[in-house]
Amino acid sequence: MSGRRAQIAMSDEEAAAFLEQERTVTCATLGRDGWPHLMPLWYVIRAGEIWAWTYAKSQKVRNLERDPRCTLQVETGDTYDQLRGVMIKAEAVIHREHVLELGVEIFERYTGGPVDPEPLRGQATKRVGLQFIPRSTATWDHRKLAGTY
């Protein structure tokens, strides 16, 4: 990596901290018709990988059952000089067991405290866990340009 790209790249530590801080990942899957299908997901980080849960009958799950390749993006910034993000090309693994535990972990992250699993039990029976195994990553942090473009 050279030039401007190298200037704005995040270190592994910066990217990990960014993913821990942000709250929504956009997941792009390929629809049957070949068009990208983009959907936001809440997520947690497990051993450096993004994990999410979603309804088993959702379009994104159908797409991932056909083709596990996907692209994830987490980004923030309201102006060009503040843009930051992480894009991950990944393969998704669909998990149909231990979904309640994943749901509790996600809700604890987003509510900031312990969550009673009982209200989530009904949802969990209709959901799957999504593990995204990274294949390549691109990052950017325009704040590193210090206002020079």
N, C-alpha and C. Protein backbone atom coordinates (compact mmCIF):
# COMPACT_ATOMS: atom_id res chain seq x y z
N MET A 1 0.86 -1.17 0.00
CA MET A 1 0.00 0.00 0.00
C MET A 1 0.91 1.23 0.00
N SER A 2 0.58 2.18 -0.85
CA SER A 2 1.43 3.36 -0.91
C SER A 2 0.58 4.61 -1.09
N GLY A 3 1.26 5.76 -1.00
CA GLY A 3 0.60 7.03 -1.26
C GLY A 3 -0.50 7.37 -0.27
N ARG A 4 -1.53 7.98 -0.81
CA ARG A 4 -2.66 8.48 -0.01
C ARG A 4 -3.35 7.35 0.74
N ARG A 5 -3.47 6.18 0.10
CA ARG A 5 -4.12 5.03 0.74
C ARG A 5 -3.41 4.68 2.04
N ALA A 6 -2.09 4.65 2.00
CA ALA A 6 -1.31 4.31 3.20
C ALA A 6 -1.48 5.38 4.27
N GLN A 7 -1.62 6.62 3.85
CA GLN A 7 -1.78 7.72 4.81
C GLN A 7 -3.05 7.58 5.64
N ILE A 8 -4.11 7.11 5.01
CA ILE A 8 -5.40 7.09 5.71
C ILE A 8 -5.76 5.73 6.30
N ALA A 9 -4.94 4.71 6.05
CA ALA A 9 -5.24 3.37 6.57
C ALA A 9 -5.19 3.36 8.09
N MET A 10 -6.08 2.60 8.68
CA MET A 10 -6.06 2.38 10.12
C MET A 10 -5.13 1.22 10.44
N SER A 11 -4.48 1.27 11.58
CA SER A 11 -3.74 0.10 12.06
C SER A 11 -4.76 -0.95 12.49
N ASP A 12 -4.29 -2.17 12.70
CA ASP A 12 -5.19 -3.23 13.18
C ASP A 12 -5.84 -2.83 14.50
N GLU A 13 -5.07 -2.20 15.38
CA GLU A 13 -5.60 -1.78 16.68
C GLU A 13 -6.65 -0.68 16.51
N GLU A 14 -6.39 0.27 15.61
CA GLU A 14 -7.36 1.34 15.36
C GLU A 14 -8.65 0.78 14.76
N ALA A 15 -8.52 -0.15 13.84
CA ALA A 15 -9.71 -0.75 13.22
C ALA A 15 -10.52 -1.53 14.26
N ALA A 16 -9.84 -2.28 15.12
CA ALA A 16 -10.54 -3.04 16.17
C ALA A 16 -11.28 -2.10 17.12
N ALA A 17 -10.62 -1.02 17.52
CA ALA A 17 -11.27 -0.04 18.42
C ALA A 17 -12.46 0.62 17.73
N PHE A 18 -12.31 0.93 16.45
CA PHE A 18 -13.40 1.54 15.68
C PHE A 18 -14.61 0.61 15.64
N LEU A 19 -14.38 -0.67 15.34
CA LEU A 19 -15.50 -1.63 15.28
C LEU A 19 -16.16 -1.81 16.63
N GLU A 20 -15.38 -1.76 17.70
CA GLU A 20 -15.96 -1.86 19.05
C GLU A 20 -16.83 -0.63 19.36
N GLN A 21 -16.44 0.51 18.86
CA GLN A 21 -17.11 1.78 19.17
C GLN A 21 -18.41 1.96 18.36
N GLU A 22 -18.39 1.57 17.09
CA GLU A 22 -19.54 1.81 16.23
C GLU A 22 -20.65 0.81 16.51
N ARG A 23 -21.83 1.06 15.93
CA ARG A 23 -23.00 0.29 16.34
C ARG A 23 -23.73 -0.44 15.21
N THR A 24 -23.50 -0.08 13.96
CA THR A 24 -24.24 -0.71 12.88
C THR A 24 -23.30 -1.11 11.75
N VAL A 25 -23.44 -2.34 11.30
CA VAL A 25 -22.70 -2.82 10.14
C VAL A 25 -23.70 -2.98 9.00
N THR A 26 -23.31 -2.55 7.81
CA THR A 26 -24.12 -2.79 6.63
C THR A 26 -23.56 -4.02 5.94
N CYS A 27 -24.44 -4.97 5.68
CA CYS A 27 -24.06 -6.25 5.08
C CYS A 27 -24.60 -6.29 3.65
N ALA A 28 -23.70 -6.49 2.68
CA ALA A 28 -24.08 -6.63 1.28
C ALA A 28 -23.96 -8.09 0.87
N THR A 29 -25.09 -8.66 0.43
CA THR A 29 -25.12 -10.01 -0.09
C THR A 29 -25.52 -9.92 -1.56
N LEU A 30 -25.40 -11.03 -2.27
CA LEU A 30 -25.81 -11.06 -3.67
C LEU A 30 -27.16 -11.73 -3.82
N GLY A 31 -28.10 -10.99 -4.38
CA GLY A 31 -29.43 -11.55 -4.61
C GLY A 31 -29.41 -12.54 -5.76
N ARG A 32 -30.47 -13.30 -5.88
CA ARG A 32 -30.61 -14.30 -6.95
C ARG A 32 -30.44 -13.65 -8.33
N ASP A 33 -30.88 -12.39 -8.44
CA ASP A 33 -30.80 -11.68 -9.72
C ASP A 33 -29.43 -11.04 -9.96
N GLY A 34 -28.49 -11.24 -9.03
CA GLY A 34 -27.15 -10.70 -9.18
C GLY A 34 -26.96 -9.31 -8.62
N TRP A 35 -28.02 -8.67 -8.20
CA TRP A 35 -27.93 -7.32 -7.63
C TRP A 35 -27.55 -7.40 -6.16
N PRO A 36 -26.74 -6.44 -5.69
CA PRO A 36 -26.40 -6.40 -4.26
C PRO A 36 -27.65 -6.12 -3.42
N HIS A 37 -27.68 -6.73 -2.27
CA HIS A 37 -28.76 -6.54 -1.29
C HIS A 37 -28.08 -6.03 -0.02
N LEU A 38 -28.39 -4.80 0.38
CA LEU A 38 -27.73 -4.17 1.53
C LEU A 38 -28.70 -4.07 2.70
N MET A 39 -28.22 -4.48 3.88
CA MET A 39 -29.05 -4.39 5.07
C MET A 39 -28.20 -4.08 6.29
N PRO A 40 -28.71 -3.23 7.19
CA PRO A 40 -27.99 -2.92 8.43
C PRO A 40 -28.22 -4.01 9.48
N LEU A 41 -27.20 -4.24 10.29
CA LEU A 41 -27.29 -5.21 11.37
C LEU A 41 -26.62 -4.67 12.62
N TRP A 42 -27.17 -5.03 13.79
CA TRP A 42 -26.44 -4.85 15.04
C TRP A 42 -25.45 -6.01 15.12
N TYR A 43 -24.35 -5.80 15.84
CA TYR A 43 -23.32 -6.83 15.86
C TYR A 43 -22.53 -6.81 17.15
N VAL A 44 -21.77 -7.90 17.33
CA VAL A 44 -20.76 -8.00 18.39
C VAL A 44 -19.48 -8.50 17.74
N ILE A 45 -18.38 -8.29 18.44
CA ILE A 45 -17.10 -8.80 17.98
C ILE A 45 -16.75 -10.01 18.85
N ARG A 46 -16.46 -11.11 18.21
CA ARG A 46 -16.02 -12.34 18.88
C ARG A 46 -14.71 -12.76 18.25
N ALA A 47 -13.65 -12.80 19.03
CA ALA A 47 -12.33 -13.23 18.54
C ALA A 47 -11.96 -12.52 17.24
N GLY A 48 -12.22 -11.22 17.18
CA GLY A 48 -11.84 -10.42 16.03
C GLY A 48 -12.78 -10.53 14.83
N GLU A 49 -13.88 -11.27 14.96
CA GLU A 49 -14.84 -11.42 13.87
C GLU A 49 -16.16 -10.75 14.23
N ILE A 50 -16.83 -10.24 13.23
CA ILE A 50 -18.16 -9.68 13.43
C ILE A 50 -19.18 -10.81 13.42
N TRP A 51 -20.07 -10.78 14.41
CA TRP A 51 -21.19 -11.72 14.51
C TRP A 51 -22.47 -10.91 14.63
N ALA A 52 -23.54 -11.40 14.01
CA ALA A 52 -24.84 -10.75 14.09
C ALA A 52 -25.91 -11.84 14.14
N TRP A 53 -27.14 -11.41 14.37
CA TRP A 53 -28.24 -12.35 14.24
C TRP A 53 -29.33 -11.71 13.42
N THR A 54 -30.12 -12.55 12.77
CA THR A 54 -31.20 -12.05 11.91
C THR A 54 -32.22 -13.15 11.74
N TYR A 55 -33.36 -12.80 11.17
CA TYR A 55 -34.42 -13.79 10.97
C TYR A 55 -33.98 -14.83 9.93
N ALA A 56 -34.21 -16.09 10.23
CA ALA A 56 -33.78 -17.19 9.38
C ALA A 56 -34.40 -17.12 7.99
N LYS A 57 -35.58 -16.54 7.88
CA LYS A 57 -36.27 -16.47 6.58
C LYS A 57 -36.00 -15.17 5.84
N SER A 58 -35.06 -14.36 6.34
CA SER A 58 -34.78 -13.07 5.70
C SER A 58 -34.10 -13.26 4.35
N GLN A 59 -34.20 -12.25 3.52
CA GLN A 59 -33.57 -12.30 2.20
C GLN A 59 -32.06 -12.47 2.31
N LYS A 60 -31.45 -11.78 3.28
CA LYS A 60 -29.98 -11.89 3.40
C LYS A 60 -29.56 -13.31 3.72
N VAL A 61 -30.32 -14.03 4.53
CA VAL A 61 -29.98 -15.42 4.85
C VAL A 61 -30.17 -16.28 3.60
N ARG A 62 -31.24 -16.09 2.87
CA ARG A 62 -31.43 -16.85 1.63
C ARG A 62 -30.27 -16.62 0.67
N ASN A 63 -29.86 -15.35 0.57
CA ASN A 63 -28.73 -15.03 -0.30
C ASN A 63 -27.45 -15.72 0.18
N LEU A 64 -27.20 -15.69 1.49
CA LEU A 64 -25.98 -16.30 2.04
C LEU A 64 -26.01 -17.82 1.96
N GLU A 65 -27.19 -18.41 1.98
CA GLU A 65 -27.29 -19.86 1.80
C GLU A 65 -26.86 -20.24 0.38
N ARG A 66 -27.18 -19.40 -0.60
CA ARG A 66 -26.78 -19.65 -1.99
C ARG A 66 -25.31 -19.33 -2.22
N ASP A 67 -24.84 -18.24 -1.60
CA ASP A 67 -23.48 -17.76 -1.82
C ASP A 67 -23.02 -17.07 -0.54
N PRO A 68 -22.08 -17.67 0.20
CA PRO A 68 -21.69 -17.12 1.50
C PRO A 68 -20.83 -15.86 1.43
N ARG A 69 -20.44 -15.44 0.22
CA ARG A 69 -19.61 -14.24 0.10
C ARG A 69 -20.45 -13.00 0.38
N CYS A 70 -19.85 -12.08 1.11
CA CYS A 70 -20.53 -10.83 1.42
C CYS A 70 -19.49 -9.76 1.69
N THR A 71 -19.94 -8.53 1.70
CA THR A 71 -19.08 -7.42 2.07
C THR A 71 -19.76 -6.68 3.21
N LEU A 72 -18.98 -6.37 4.23
CA LEU A 72 -19.47 -5.63 5.40
C LEU A 72 -18.84 -4.25 5.39
N GLN A 73 -19.61 -3.27 5.82
CA GLN A 73 -19.02 -1.93 5.97
C GLN A 73 -19.58 -1.27 7.22
N VAL A 74 -18.65 -0.72 7.99
CA VAL A 74 -18.98 0.12 9.14
C VAL A 74 -18.32 1.46 8.86
N GLU A 75 -19.08 2.53 8.89
CA GLU A 75 -18.51 3.83 8.56
C GLU A 75 -19.18 4.94 9.36
N THR A 76 -18.46 6.04 9.46
CA THR A 76 -18.98 7.21 10.16
C THR A 76 -18.31 8.45 9.58
N GLY A 77 -18.91 9.59 9.89
CA GLY A 77 -18.37 10.87 9.45
C GLY A 77 -19.38 11.65 8.65
N ASP A 78 -19.56 12.91 9.02
CA ASP A 78 -20.54 13.75 8.33
C ASP A 78 -19.91 14.61 7.24
N THR A 79 -18.61 14.81 7.30
CA THR A 79 -17.93 15.60 6.29
C THR A 79 -16.72 14.80 5.80
N TYR A 80 -16.22 15.13 4.62
CA TYR A 80 -15.13 14.37 4.00
C TYR A 80 -13.93 14.23 4.93
N ASP A 81 -13.59 15.30 5.61
CA ASP A 81 -12.40 15.26 6.46
C ASP A 81 -12.59 14.43 7.72
N GLN A 82 -13.82 13.97 7.97
CA GLN A 82 -14.11 13.15 9.15
C GLN A 82 -14.46 11.70 8.82
N LEU A 83 -14.44 11.35 7.53
CA LEU A 83 -14.84 10.00 7.13
C LEU A 83 -13.88 8.95 7.69
N ARG A 84 -14.46 7.91 8.28
CA ARG A 84 -13.71 6.76 8.79
C ARG A 84 -14.51 5.51 8.50
N GLY A 85 -13.83 4.42 8.24
CA GLY A 85 -14.58 3.21 8.01
C GLY A 85 -13.72 1.97 7.87
N VAL A 86 -14.42 0.84 7.90
CA VAL A 86 -13.81 -0.47 7.72
C VAL A 86 -14.71 -1.24 6.76
N MET A 87 -14.12 -1.79 5.70
CA MET A 87 -14.83 -2.64 4.76
C MET A 87 -14.18 -4.02 4.80
N ILE A 88 -14.99 -5.04 4.96
CA ILE A 88 -14.48 -6.40 5.09
C ILE A 88 -15.15 -7.29 4.04
N LYS A 89 -14.35 -7.91 3.20
CA LYS A 89 -14.85 -8.97 2.34
C LYS A 89 -14.80 -10.23 3.20
N ALA A 90 -15.94 -10.91 3.29
CA ALA A 90 -16.04 -12.03 4.24
C ALA A 90 -16.83 -13.18 3.65
N GLU A 91 -16.70 -14.33 4.30
CA GLU A 91 -17.58 -15.47 4.05
C GLU A 91 -18.42 -15.65 5.30
N ALA A 92 -19.71 -15.76 5.10
CA ALA A 92 -20.63 -15.91 6.22
C ALA A 92 -20.85 -17.39 6.53
N VAL A 93 -20.88 -17.69 7.82
CA VAL A 93 -21.26 -19.01 8.30
C VAL A 93 -22.57 -18.82 9.06
N ILE A 94 -23.56 -19.59 8.69
CA ILE A 94 -24.88 -19.48 9.33
C ILE A 94 -24.94 -20.50 10.46
N HIS A 95 -25.25 -20.00 11.67
CA HIS A 95 -25.34 -20.86 12.85
C HIS A 95 -26.80 -20.96 13.29
N ARG A 96 -27.25 -22.17 13.50
CA ARG A 96 -28.64 -22.39 13.92
C ARG A 96 -28.73 -22.86 15.38
N GLU A 97 -27.58 -22.98 16.04
CA GLU A 97 -27.54 -23.35 17.46
C GLU A 97 -26.91 -22.21 18.26
N HIS A 98 -27.26 -22.14 19.53
CA HIS A 98 -26.74 -21.12 20.45
C HIS A 98 -27.12 -19.70 20.01
N VAL A 99 -28.24 -19.59 19.34
CA VAL A 99 -28.69 -18.30 18.83
C VAL A 99 -29.15 -17.39 19.97
N LEU A 100 -29.80 -17.95 20.98
CA LEU A 100 -30.24 -17.15 22.12
C LEU A 100 -29.04 -16.48 22.80
N GLU A 101 -27.97 -17.23 23.00
CA GLU A 101 -26.79 -16.66 23.65
C GLU A 101 -26.23 -15.48 22.85
N LEU A 102 -26.22 -15.62 21.53
CA LEU A 102 -25.75 -14.53 20.68
C LEU A 102 -26.68 -13.33 20.79
N GLY A 103 -27.98 -13.57 20.79
CA GLY A 103 -28.94 -12.48 20.93
C GLY A 103 -28.76 -11.73 22.24
N VAL A 104 -28.55 -12.46 23.31
CA VAL A 104 -28.32 -11.82 24.61
C VAL A 104 -27.05 -10.98 24.56
N GLU A 105 -25.99 -11.51 23.96
CA GLU A 105 -24.73 -10.78 23.85
C GLU A 105 -24.92 -9.47 23.05
N ILE A 106 -25.66 -9.56 21.97
CA ILE A 106 -25.93 -8.37 21.15
C ILE A 106 -26.73 -7.35 21.95
N PHE A 107 -27.80 -7.79 22.60
CA PHE A 107 -28.64 -6.86 23.36
C PHE A 107 -27.89 -6.24 24.53
N GLU A 108 -27.02 -7.02 25.15
CA GLU A 108 -26.21 -6.45 26.24
C GLU A 108 -25.30 -5.36 25.72
N ARG A 109 -24.75 -5.56 24.54
CA ARG A 109 -23.88 -4.52 23.95
C ARG A 109 -24.67 -3.24 23.69
N TYR A 110 -25.88 -3.37 23.18
CA TYR A 110 -26.64 -2.19 22.76
C TYR A 110 -27.43 -1.55 23.89
N THR A 111 -27.68 -2.28 24.97
CA THR A 111 -28.38 -1.68 26.10
C THR A 111 -27.41 -1.27 27.20
N GLY A 112 -26.18 -1.78 27.14
CA GLY A 112 -25.16 -1.39 28.11
C GLY A 112 -25.23 -2.11 29.44
N GLY A 113 -25.97 -3.21 29.50
CA GLY A 113 -26.04 -3.92 30.77
C GLY A 113 -26.60 -5.31 30.60
N PRO A 114 -26.75 -6.03 31.72
CA PRO A 114 -27.28 -7.38 31.67
C PRO A 114 -28.70 -7.41 31.09
N VAL A 115 -29.00 -8.47 30.35
CA VAL A 115 -30.30 -8.62 29.71
C VAL A 115 -30.91 -9.95 30.14
N ASP A 116 -32.18 -9.92 30.49
CA ASP A 116 -32.91 -11.14 30.81
C ASP A 116 -33.15 -11.89 29.50
N PRO A 117 -32.69 -13.13 29.39
CA PRO A 117 -32.85 -13.86 28.13
C PRO A 117 -34.29 -14.26 27.79
N GLU A 118 -35.16 -14.31 28.79
CA GLU A 118 -36.52 -14.81 28.55
C GLU A 118 -37.26 -14.05 27.45
N PRO A 119 -37.27 -12.71 27.45
CA PRO A 119 -37.99 -12.01 26.37
C PRO A 119 -37.40 -12.26 24.98
N LEU A 120 -36.15 -12.70 24.91
CA LEU A 120 -35.51 -12.94 23.62
C LEU A 120 -35.68 -14.38 23.13
N ARG A 121 -36.14 -15.25 24.02
CA ARG A 121 -36.23 -16.68 23.70
C ARG A 121 -37.12 -16.94 22.48
N GLY A 122 -38.25 -16.27 22.40
CA GLY A 122 -39.16 -16.45 21.26
C GLY A 122 -38.54 -15.98 19.96
N GLN A 123 -37.84 -14.84 20.02
CA GLN A 123 -37.15 -14.34 18.82
C GLN A 123 -36.07 -15.30 18.37
N ALA A 124 -35.33 -15.84 19.32
CA ALA A 124 -34.19 -16.69 19.01
C ALA A 124 -34.60 -17.93 18.21
N THR A 125 -35.80 -18.45 18.44
CA THR A 125 -36.24 -19.64 17.70
C THR A 125 -36.46 -19.34 16.22
N LYS A 126 -36.63 -18.07 15.88
CA LYS A 126 -36.88 -17.66 14.49
C LYS A 126 -35.63 -17.09 13.82
N ARG A 127 -34.54 -17.03 14.55
CA ARG A 127 -33.33 -16.36 14.06
C ARG A 127 -32.17 -17.33 13.87
N VAL A 128 -31.15 -16.82 13.19
CA VAL A 128 -29.89 -17.54 13.04
C VAL A 128 -28.77 -16.59 13.43
N GLY A 129 -27.64 -17.18 13.77
CA GLY A 129 -26.44 -16.40 14.01
C GLY A 129 -25.64 -16.31 12.73
N LEU A 130 -25.02 -15.18 12.50
CA LEU A 130 -24.17 -14.99 11.33
C LEU A 130 -22.75 -14.68 11.79
N GLN A 131 -21.83 -15.53 11.42
CA GLN A 131 -20.42 -15.34 11.70
C GLN A 131 -19.77 -14.91 10.39
N PHE A 132 -19.06 -13.80 10.40
CA PHE A 132 -18.43 -13.29 9.19
C PHE A 132 -16.92 -13.51 9.28
N ILE A 133 -16.42 -14.43 8.48
CA ILE A 133 -15.00 -14.76 8.49
C ILE A 133 -14.29 -13.85 7.48
N PRO A 134 -13.43 -12.95 7.96
CA PRO A 134 -12.80 -11.98 7.06
C PRO A 134 -11.84 -12.64 6.07
N ARG A 135 -11.89 -12.18 4.83
CA ARG A 135 -10.95 -12.61 3.79
C ARG A 135 -10.02 -11.46 3.40
N SER A 136 -10.52 -10.23 3.42
CA SER A 136 -9.67 -9.06 3.21
C SER A 136 -10.37 -7.85 3.82
N THR A 137 -9.56 -6.87 4.18
CA THR A 137 -10.07 -5.69 4.87
C THR A 137 -9.45 -4.44 4.27
N ALA A 138 -10.26 -3.40 4.15
CA ALA A 138 -9.78 -2.07 3.77
C ALA A 138 -10.28 -1.09 4.83
N THR A 139 -9.44 -0.14 5.19
CA THR A 139 -9.82 0.84 6.21
C THR A 139 -9.46 2.23 5.72
N TRP A 140 -10.13 3.23 6.29
CA TRP A 140 -9.80 4.62 5.98
C TRP A 140 -10.15 5.51 7.17
N ASP A 141 -9.34 6.50 7.36
CA ASP A 141 -9.55 7.50 8.40
C ASP A 141 -9.05 8.84 7.84
N HIS A 142 -9.96 9.60 7.25
CA HIS A 142 -9.61 10.86 6.62
C HIS A 142 -9.12 11.90 7.60
N ARG A 143 -9.35 11.70 8.89
CA ARG A 143 -8.84 12.63 9.88
C ARG A 143 -7.31 12.66 9.86
N LYS A 144 -6.70 11.58 9.38
CA LYS A 144 -5.23 11.51 9.31
C LYS A 144 -4.64 12.45 8.26
N LEU A 145 -5.48 12.96 7.38
CA LEU A 145 -5.01 13.88 6.34
C LEU A 145 -4.82 15.31 6.88
N ALA A 146 -5.31 15.55 8.07
CA ALA A 146 -5.17 16.86 8.73
C ALA A 146 -5.59 18.00 7.82
N GLY A 147 -6.70 17.79 7.09
CA GLY A 147 -7.25 18.87 6.28
C GLY A 147 -6.60 19.07 4.92
N THR A 148 -5.61 18.22 4.56
CA THR A 148 -4.99 18.32 3.25
C THR A 148 -5.52 17.21 2.35
N TYR A 149 -5.92 17.58 1.17
CA TYR A 149 -6.49 16.59 0.24
C TYR A 149 -5.69 16.60 -1.04
